[in-house]
N, C-alpha and C. Protein backbone atom coordinates (compact mmCIF):
# COMPACT_ATOMS: atom_id res chain seq x y z
N MET A 1 21.51 -22.78 22.39
CA MET A 1 21.37 -21.14 20.94
C MET A 1 22.01 -22.16 19.65
N SER A 2 21.09 -22.10 18.56
CA SER A 2 21.77 -22.41 17.08
C SER A 2 22.75 -21.66 16.55
N PRO A 3 23.22 -22.52 15.82
CA PRO A 3 24.12 -22.00 15.16
C PRO A 3 23.63 -21.08 13.96
N PRO A 4 24.10 -19.71 13.28
CA PRO A 4 23.91 -19.16 12.46
C PRO A 4 23.77 -19.22 11.32
N ASP A 5 23.52 -19.13 10.17
CA ASP A 5 22.87 -19.70 9.04
C ASP A 5 24.33 -19.63 8.43
N GLU A 6 24.40 -20.22 7.12
CA GLU A 6 25.64 -19.89 6.82
C GLU A 6 25.65 -19.85 5.51
N GLU A 7 26.55 -18.75 4.40
CA GLU A 7 26.14 -18.49 3.02
C GLU A 7 26.55 -19.77 2.68
N ILE A 8 25.65 -20.50 1.91
CA ILE A 8 26.66 -21.64 0.85
C ILE A 8 26.35 -21.83 -0.67
N ASP A 9 25.81 -20.49 -1.08
CA ASP A 9 26.29 -20.36 -2.69
C ASP A 9 25.95 -18.69 -2.86
N THR A 10 26.55 -18.33 -4.06
CA THR A 10 25.98 -17.15 -4.52
C THR A 10 26.16 -17.22 -5.75
N LEU A 11 25.03 -16.88 -7.14
CA LEU A 11 24.96 -16.80 -8.20
C LEU A 11 24.99 -15.59 -8.51
N GLU A 12 26.04 -15.51 -9.66
CA GLU A 12 26.28 -13.82 -10.12
C GLU A 12 25.52 -14.17 -11.47
N PHE A 13 25.30 -12.82 -11.56
CA PHE A 13 24.97 -12.68 -13.02
C PHE A 13 24.96 -10.77 -13.75
N ALA A 14 24.73 -10.46 -14.84
CA ALA A 14 24.83 -9.47 -15.26
C ALA A 14 24.85 -8.19 -14.55
N THR A 15 23.55 -8.10 -13.57
CA THR A 15 22.64 -7.11 -13.19
C THR A 15 22.77 -7.01 -11.86
N GLY A 16 23.18 -8.22 -11.29
CA GLY A 16 22.89 -8.90 -9.57
C GLY A 16 23.47 -9.59 -9.33
N TYR A 17 23.17 -10.68 -7.84
CA TYR A 17 23.38 -11.57 -7.03
C TYR A 17 22.64 -12.42 -6.33
N THR A 18 22.75 -13.31 -6.57
CA THR A 18 21.86 -14.09 -5.29
C THR A 18 22.01 -14.92 -4.65
N HIS A 19 22.00 -14.82 -3.05
CA HIS A 19 22.51 -15.62 -2.40
C HIS A 19 22.06 -16.82 -1.99
N LEU A 20 22.36 -17.75 -1.53
CA LEU A 20 22.39 -19.03 -0.47
C LEU A 20 22.14 -19.41 0.55
N TYR A 21 21.35 -18.98 1.96
CA TYR A 21 22.36 -19.33 2.78
C TYR A 21 20.84 -20.50 3.57
N TYR A 22 22.16 -21.39 4.53
CA TYR A 22 21.23 -22.78 4.86
C TYR A 22 21.50 -22.60 6.69
N SER A 23 20.66 -23.58 7.11
CA SER A 23 21.10 -23.90 8.69
C SER A 23 21.34 -24.94 9.16
N SER A 24 22.06 -25.74 9.52
CA SER A 24 22.64 -27.25 9.78
C SER A 24 22.01 -27.60 10.80
N ALA A 25 21.40 -26.42 11.37
CA ALA A 25 20.07 -27.05 12.83
C ALA A 25 18.92 -27.13 12.32
N THR A 26 18.68 -26.60 11.49
CA THR A 26 16.73 -26.50 11.08
C THR A 26 16.91 -26.74 9.55
N GLY A 27 17.48 -27.09 9.12
CA GLY A 27 17.31 -27.45 7.57
C GLY A 27 17.35 -26.45 6.63
N ARG A 28 16.65 -25.70 6.93
CA ARG A 28 16.01 -24.14 5.90
C ARG A 28 17.03 -23.42 5.66
N ASN A 29 16.26 -23.37 4.65
CA ASN A 29 17.37 -22.46 3.44
C ASN A 29 16.62 -21.28 3.54
N CYS A 30 17.50 -19.94 3.33
CA CYS A 30 17.24 -18.76 2.50
C CYS A 30 18.00 -18.61 1.46
N ALA A 31 17.11 -17.28 1.20
CA ALA A 31 18.00 -16.59 -0.20
C ALA A 31 17.42 -15.30 -0.67
N TYR A 32 17.52 -14.71 -0.99
CA TYR A 32 17.94 -12.96 -1.30
C TYR A 32 19.11 -12.72 -2.97
N THR A 33 17.93 -11.41 -3.48
CA THR A 33 18.93 -11.04 -4.41
C THR A 33 18.85 -9.41 -4.15
N VAL A 34 20.35 -9.41 -4.91
CA VAL A 34 20.89 -7.46 -4.70
C VAL A 34 20.93 -7.36 -6.19
N PRO A 35 20.98 -5.72 -6.03
CA PRO A 35 21.15 -5.54 -7.77
C PRO A 35 22.98 -5.48 -7.70
N LYS A 36 23.54 -4.90 -8.64
CA LYS A 36 24.87 -4.93 -8.78
C LYS A 36 24.57 -3.47 -9.05
N SER A 37 23.95 -2.43 -9.48
CA SER A 37 23.43 -1.21 -9.69
C SER A 37 22.84 -0.86 -9.34
N GLY A 38 22.44 0.82 -9.47
CA GLY A 38 20.81 0.93 -9.24
C GLY A 38 20.35 1.11 -7.89
N THR A 39 21.07 0.54 -6.79
CA THR A 39 20.34 0.81 -5.45
C THR A 39 19.78 2.07 -4.76
N GLY A 40 18.81 1.63 -4.25
CA GLY A 40 17.94 3.23 -4.28
C GLY A 40 16.99 3.64 -5.38
N THR A 41 17.18 3.05 -6.89
CA THR A 41 16.16 3.45 -7.56
C THR A 41 15.32 2.29 -7.88
N THR A 42 13.64 2.03 -7.92
CA THR A 42 13.31 1.29 -8.43
C THR A 42 13.58 0.62 -9.23
N GLN A 43 13.30 -0.40 -9.49
CA GLN A 43 13.55 -1.70 -10.21
C GLN A 43 13.15 -2.90 -10.33
N LEU A 44 12.72 -3.95 -10.90
CA LEU A 44 12.23 -5.28 -10.76
C LEU A 44 13.43 -5.73 -10.13
N ILE A 45 13.48 -6.40 -8.97
CA ILE A 45 13.86 -7.22 -8.61
C ILE A 45 13.53 -8.60 -7.66
N ALA A 46 13.89 -9.67 -8.05
CA ALA A 46 13.29 -11.19 -7.97
C ALA A 46 14.46 -12.00 -7.36
N VAL A 47 13.29 -12.90 -6.29
CA VAL A 47 14.07 -14.27 -6.27
C VAL A 47 13.22 -15.90 -5.76
N GLY A 48 13.67 -16.68 -6.22
CA GLY A 48 12.68 -17.94 -5.73
C GLY A 48 14.13 -18.64 -5.41
N LEU A 49 12.81 -19.79 -4.86
CA LEU A 49 13.63 -20.84 -3.83
C LEU A 49 12.91 -22.09 -3.72
N PHE A 50 13.25 -22.81 -4.37
CA PHE A 50 12.18 -24.40 -4.93
C PHE A 50 12.78 -25.63 -3.93
N ARG A 51 11.84 -26.56 -3.72
CA ARG A 51 12.65 -27.26 -3.20
C ARG A 51 11.88 -28.57 -4.20
N ALA A 52 12.95 -30.06 -4.21
CA ALA A 52 12.87 -30.85 -4.95
C ALA A 52 11.25 -31.82 -5.06
N SER A 53 11.96 -32.30 -3.50
CA SER A 53 10.96 -33.29 -3.05
C SER A 53 9.74 -33.04 -3.34
N ASP A 54 8.64 -31.88 -3.66
CA ASP A 54 7.98 -31.89 -4.14
C ASP A 54 7.49 -30.27 -4.83
N ASN A 55 8.43 -30.10 -5.18
CA ASN A 55 8.40 -28.49 -6.49
C ASN A 55 7.66 -27.54 -5.58
N GLN A 56 7.87 -27.72 -4.63
CA GLN A 56 7.37 -26.33 -3.57
C GLN A 56 8.31 -25.18 -3.36
N GLY A 57 7.58 -24.06 -3.73
CA GLY A 57 8.83 -22.90 -3.32
C GLY A 57 8.37 -21.67 -2.53
N ALA A 58 9.16 -20.71 -2.50
CA ALA A 58 8.66 -19.32 -2.21
C ALA A 58 9.45 -18.62 -2.93
N GLY A 59 8.41 -17.20 -2.82
CA GLY A 59 9.05 -16.48 -4.22
C GLY A 59 8.94 -14.84 -3.22
N ASP A 60 9.42 -13.69 -4.23
CA ASP A 60 9.29 -12.77 -4.03
C ASP A 60 9.71 -11.64 -4.88
N SER A 61 9.22 -11.82 -5.93
CA SER A 61 9.26 -10.39 -6.80
C SER A 61 8.65 -9.10 -7.24
N ARG A 62 8.60 -8.06 -7.03
CA ARG A 62 7.85 -6.40 -7.60
C ARG A 62 8.72 -5.59 -8.58
N ALA A 63 8.27 -5.15 -8.92
CA ALA A 63 9.06 -3.90 -9.89
C ALA A 63 9.46 -2.82 -9.33
N ASP A 64 9.02 -3.09 -7.94
CA ASP A 64 9.08 -1.67 -7.35
C ASP A 64 10.44 -1.67 -5.99
N TYR A 65 10.97 -2.63 -5.83
CA TYR A 65 12.31 -2.99 -4.52
C TYR A 65 13.55 -1.56 -5.03
N LYS A 66 14.41 -1.18 -3.95
CA LYS A 66 15.09 -0.57 -4.23
C LYS A 66 15.90 -1.00 -3.76
N TYR A 67 16.10 -2.58 -3.26
CA TYR A 67 17.30 -2.57 -2.61
C TYR A 67 17.90 -4.05 -2.77
N TYR A 68 16.61 -4.97 -2.47
CA TYR A 68 16.91 -6.05 -2.51
C TYR A 68 15.70 -7.07 -2.70
N ALA A 69 15.42 -8.35 -2.97
CA ALA A 69 14.37 -9.07 -2.99
C ALA A 69 14.14 -9.98 -2.07
N GLY A 70 13.32 -10.61 -1.56
CA GLY A 70 14.18 -11.51 -0.15
C GLY A 70 13.88 -10.57 1.60
N PRO A 71 13.85 -11.44 2.48
CA PRO A 71 14.57 -12.96 1.64
C PRO A 71 13.50 -14.46 1.83
N VAL A 72 13.35 -14.97 1.55
CA VAL A 72 12.25 -15.91 1.35
C VAL A 72 13.09 -17.00 1.89
N HIS A 73 12.30 -18.14 2.93
CA HIS A 73 12.92 -19.12 3.74
C HIS A 73 12.11 -20.75 3.01
N LEU A 74 12.17 -21.70 3.58
CA LEU A 74 12.26 -23.01 2.52
C LEU A 74 13.27 -24.03 3.23
N ASP A 75 11.66 -24.56 4.19
CA ASP A 75 12.57 -26.11 4.59
C ASP A 75 12.81 -26.90 4.02
N ALA A 76 13.74 -27.55 3.27
CA ALA A 76 14.47 -28.51 2.88
C ALA A 76 15.29 -29.39 3.41
N LEU A 77 15.03 -30.33 4.40
CA LEU A 77 16.00 -30.77 4.90
C LEU A 77 15.45 -32.14 4.29
N GLY A 78 16.93 -32.96 3.97
CA GLY A 78 17.15 -34.39 3.12
C GLY A 78 16.58 -34.32 1.85
N THR A 79 16.46 -32.67 1.10
CA THR A 79 16.31 -32.89 -0.80
C THR A 79 17.31 -31.89 -1.10
N CYS A 80 17.13 -31.88 -2.54
CA CYS A 80 17.02 -30.78 -2.90
C CYS A 80 16.85 -29.42 -3.24
N VAL A 81 17.71 -28.20 -2.96
CA VAL A 81 17.02 -26.51 -3.59
C VAL A 81 17.50 -26.28 -4.88
N LEU A 82 16.56 -25.10 -5.33
CA LEU A 82 16.98 -24.97 -6.62
C LEU A 82 17.27 -23.18 -6.60
N PHE A 83 17.78 -22.79 -7.04
CA PHE A 83 17.66 -20.99 -6.54
C PHE A 83 17.66 -20.26 -7.69
N ASN A 84 16.86 -19.20 -7.53
CA ASN A 84 17.27 -18.05 -8.67
C ASN A 84 16.61 -16.52 -8.30
N GLY A 85 17.33 -15.75 -9.12
CA GLY A 85 17.12 -14.48 -9.17
C GLY A 85 17.01 -13.41 -10.83
N GLN A 86 16.77 -12.06 -10.21
CA GLN A 86 16.49 -11.68 -11.38
C GLN A 86 16.76 -10.11 -10.56
N VAL A 87 17.32 -8.99 -11.72
CA VAL A 87 17.06 -7.83 -11.28
C VAL A 87 16.84 -6.98 -12.62
N ARG A 88 15.86 -6.48 -13.25
CA ARG A 88 15.88 -5.59 -14.15
C ARG A 88 16.01 -6.94 -15.51
N GLY A 89 16.01 -6.73 -16.35
CA GLY A 89 15.78 -7.93 -17.60
C GLY A 89 16.76 -9.34 -17.27
N THR A 90 17.14 -9.20 -16.82
CA THR A 90 18.27 -10.42 -16.52
C THR A 90 17.96 -11.47 -15.40
N SER A 91 18.20 -12.45 -15.77
CA SER A 91 18.11 -13.48 -14.98
C SER A 91 19.05 -14.34 -14.21
N ALA A 92 19.10 -15.49 -13.37
CA ALA A 92 20.17 -16.62 -13.14
C ALA A 92 19.30 -17.64 -12.07
N SER A 93 19.56 -19.25 -13.14
CA SER A 93 18.97 -20.00 -11.79
C SER A 93 20.40 -21.23 -11.65
N SER A 94 19.98 -21.60 -10.62
CA SER A 94 21.40 -22.63 -9.60
C SER A 94 21.27 -23.78 -11.02
N GLY A 95 19.86 -24.15 -10.84
CA GLY A 95 19.96 -25.50 -11.13
C GLY A 95 19.44 -26.70 -9.50
N TRP A 96 19.11 -28.08 -9.87
CA TRP A 96 19.44 -28.91 -8.40
C TRP A 96 20.40 -28.70 -7.84
N GLY A 97 20.93 -28.74 -6.46
CA GLY A 97 21.86 -28.94 -5.93
C GLY A 97 21.39 -28.75 -4.33
N HIS A 98 22.66 -28.41 -3.38
CA HIS A 98 23.01 -28.42 -2.07
C HIS A 98 21.87 -29.20 -1.57
N CYS A 99 22.01 -30.82 -1.78
CA CYS A 99 20.88 -31.48 -1.15
C CYS A 99 21.70 -31.81 -0.13
N GLY A 100 20.10 -31.70 0.78
CA GLY A 100 20.42 -31.46 2.36
C GLY A 100 20.69 -32.40 3.38
N ALA A 101 21.19 -32.69 3.75
CA ALA A 101 21.20 -34.33 4.57
C ALA A 101 19.68 -35.16 5.44
N LEU A 102 19.69 -35.77 5.89
CA LEU A 102 18.59 -36.52 5.92
C LEU A 102 18.27 -35.91 8.10
N THR A 103 19.13 -35.28 8.39
CA THR A 103 18.90 -35.13 9.81
C THR A 103 19.65 -33.76 10.18
N ALA A 104 18.69 -33.01 10.94
CA ALA A 104 19.63 -31.62 10.77
C ALA A 104 20.98 -31.91 11.77
N GLY A 105 21.72 -30.74 11.23
CA GLY A 105 22.98 -31.11 12.04
C GLY A 105 23.96 -31.60 11.11
N ALA A 106 23.32 -32.54 10.21
CA ALA A 106 24.63 -33.27 9.37
C ALA A 106 24.99 -32.98 7.95
N ARG A 107 25.62 -32.59 7.20
CA ARG A 107 25.48 -32.46 5.83
C ARG A 107 26.12 -33.22 5.17
């Protein structure tokens, strides 16, 4: 049985939070965005997660979410990631960081 994903960072911005998780067993990252207010009300909520090694990513954004955007997943073993989020008209981005180890299980 592999260990659970661990929350490694949170972006806080005026209208929401974007959470980043990492699995040391698989080298896989996961992110999702939640609003600070208006939960249950239809609004734009977005999340993005990108890998530095090839600038590939995963995202989820719609103008009709009520609770959260994501989760999005991305394998990023041995490379850095950037994650971002948006709720309504306000967004935030982490910049490149959380550079993965070259082998699963090492950080």
